[in-house]
Amino acid sequence: MDNNPYADVLDFGGKRAVELGTGCGVAGMGLFLLGLTDLVLTDIAPVMPALKRNLKVNKRILRKTLSTSDGGK
């Protein structure tokens, strides 16, 4: 990304984030692939099955151990 004028804006290496209302998780997965080292995706209970499915389907691409929580329920 040497000639990318947005390289400094897109440098997420070593950063952490919490995404509130993640939906299907596309933005969170994209940020993770850009270098976020620790990311928590959250949403309401009815959305979580779709989010968990999307994370599972993309686990090979994400190349990381994924864990989920039901909020202590």
Protein backbone atom coordinates (compact mmCIF):
# COMPACT_ATOMS: atom_id res chain seq x y z
CA MET A 1 0.00 0.00 0.00
CA ASP A 2 2.95 2.33 -0.58
CA ASN A 3 1.16 4.51 -3.11
CA ASN A 4 -2.25 4.33 -1.42
CA PRO A 5 -3.20 7.85 -0.23
CA TYR A 6 -5.41 6.27 2.44
CA ALA A 7 -2.77 3.92 3.88
CA ASP A 8 -2.51 5.88 7.14
CA VAL A 9 -6.30 5.90 7.58
CA LEU A 10 -6.59 2.16 6.84
CA ASP A 11 -3.82 1.08 9.21
CA PHE A 12 -5.63 -0.91 11.89
CA GLY A 13 -2.63 -2.97 12.99
CA GLY A 14 -2.52 -3.43 16.75
CA LYS A 15 -5.87 -1.72 17.30
CA ARG A 16 -8.95 -3.01 19.14
CA ALA A 17 -12.65 -2.25 18.65
CA VAL A 18 -16.21 -3.03 19.71
CA GLU A 19 -18.86 -2.89 17.01
CA LEU A 20 -22.34 -2.18 18.36
CA GLY A 21 -25.18 -3.40 16.17
CA THR A 22 -22.97 -5.44 13.86
CA GLY A 23 -25.79 -7.05 11.89
CA CYS A 24 -24.35 -9.79 9.68
CA GLY A 25 -20.78 -8.80 10.61
CA VAL A 26 -19.46 -7.70 7.22
CA ALA A 27 -17.94 -4.43 8.44
CA GLY A 28 -16.38 -6.11 11.47
CA MET A 29 -14.87 -8.89 9.37
CA GLY A 30 -13.49 -6.32 6.95
CA LEU A 31 -11.87 -4.34 9.75
CA PHE A 32 -10.43 -7.55 11.17
CA LEU A 33 -8.87 -8.36 7.79
CA LEU A 34 -7.38 -4.85 7.75
CA GLY A 35 -5.49 -5.61 10.94
CA LEU A 36 -7.62 -5.18 14.06
CA THR A 37 -6.10 -7.51 16.63
CA ASP A 38 -9.09 -7.73 18.95
CA LEU A 39 -12.66 -7.22 17.79
CA VAL A 40 -15.96 -7.71 19.62
CA LEU A 41 -19.11 -7.83 17.50
CA THR A 42 -22.41 -7.24 19.29
CA ASP A 43 -26.08 -7.17 18.37
CA ILE A 44 -29.49 -8.12 19.70
CA ALA A 45 -30.34 -11.79 20.26
CA PRO A 46 -32.49 -12.31 17.12
CA VAL A 47 -29.55 -11.25 14.90
CA MET A 48 -26.92 -13.48 16.53
CA PRO A 49 -27.70 -16.71 14.61
CA ALA A 50 -27.03 -14.95 11.28
CA LEU A 51 -23.85 -13.37 12.65
CA LYS A 52 -22.58 -16.69 14.00
CA ARG A 53 -23.31 -18.38 10.67
CA ASN A 54 -21.43 -15.70 8.71
CA LEU A 55 -18.43 -15.96 11.04
CA LYS A 56 -18.43 -19.74 10.70
CA VAL A 57 -18.69 -19.61 6.90
CA ASN A 58 -15.78 -17.14 6.75
CA LYS A 59 -13.58 -18.76 9.41
CA ARG A 60 -11.12 -20.11 6.83
CA ILE A 61 -10.66 -16.64 5.33
CA LEU A 62 -10.36 -14.97 8.73
CA ARG A 63 -7.73 -17.55 9.78
CA LYS A 64 -8.38 -16.97 13.46
CA THR A 65 -10.06 -18.74 16.31
CA LEU A 66 -13.52 -17.31 16.67
CA SER A 67 -15.56 -17.43 19.82
CA THR A 68 -19.11 -16.40 20.50
CA SER A 69 -21.09 -15.61 23.59
CA ASP A 70 -24.79 -15.46 24.25
CA GLY A 71 -24.35 -12.60 26.70
CA GLY A 72 -24.26 -14.84 29.73
CA LYS A 73 -27.65 -16.45 29.07
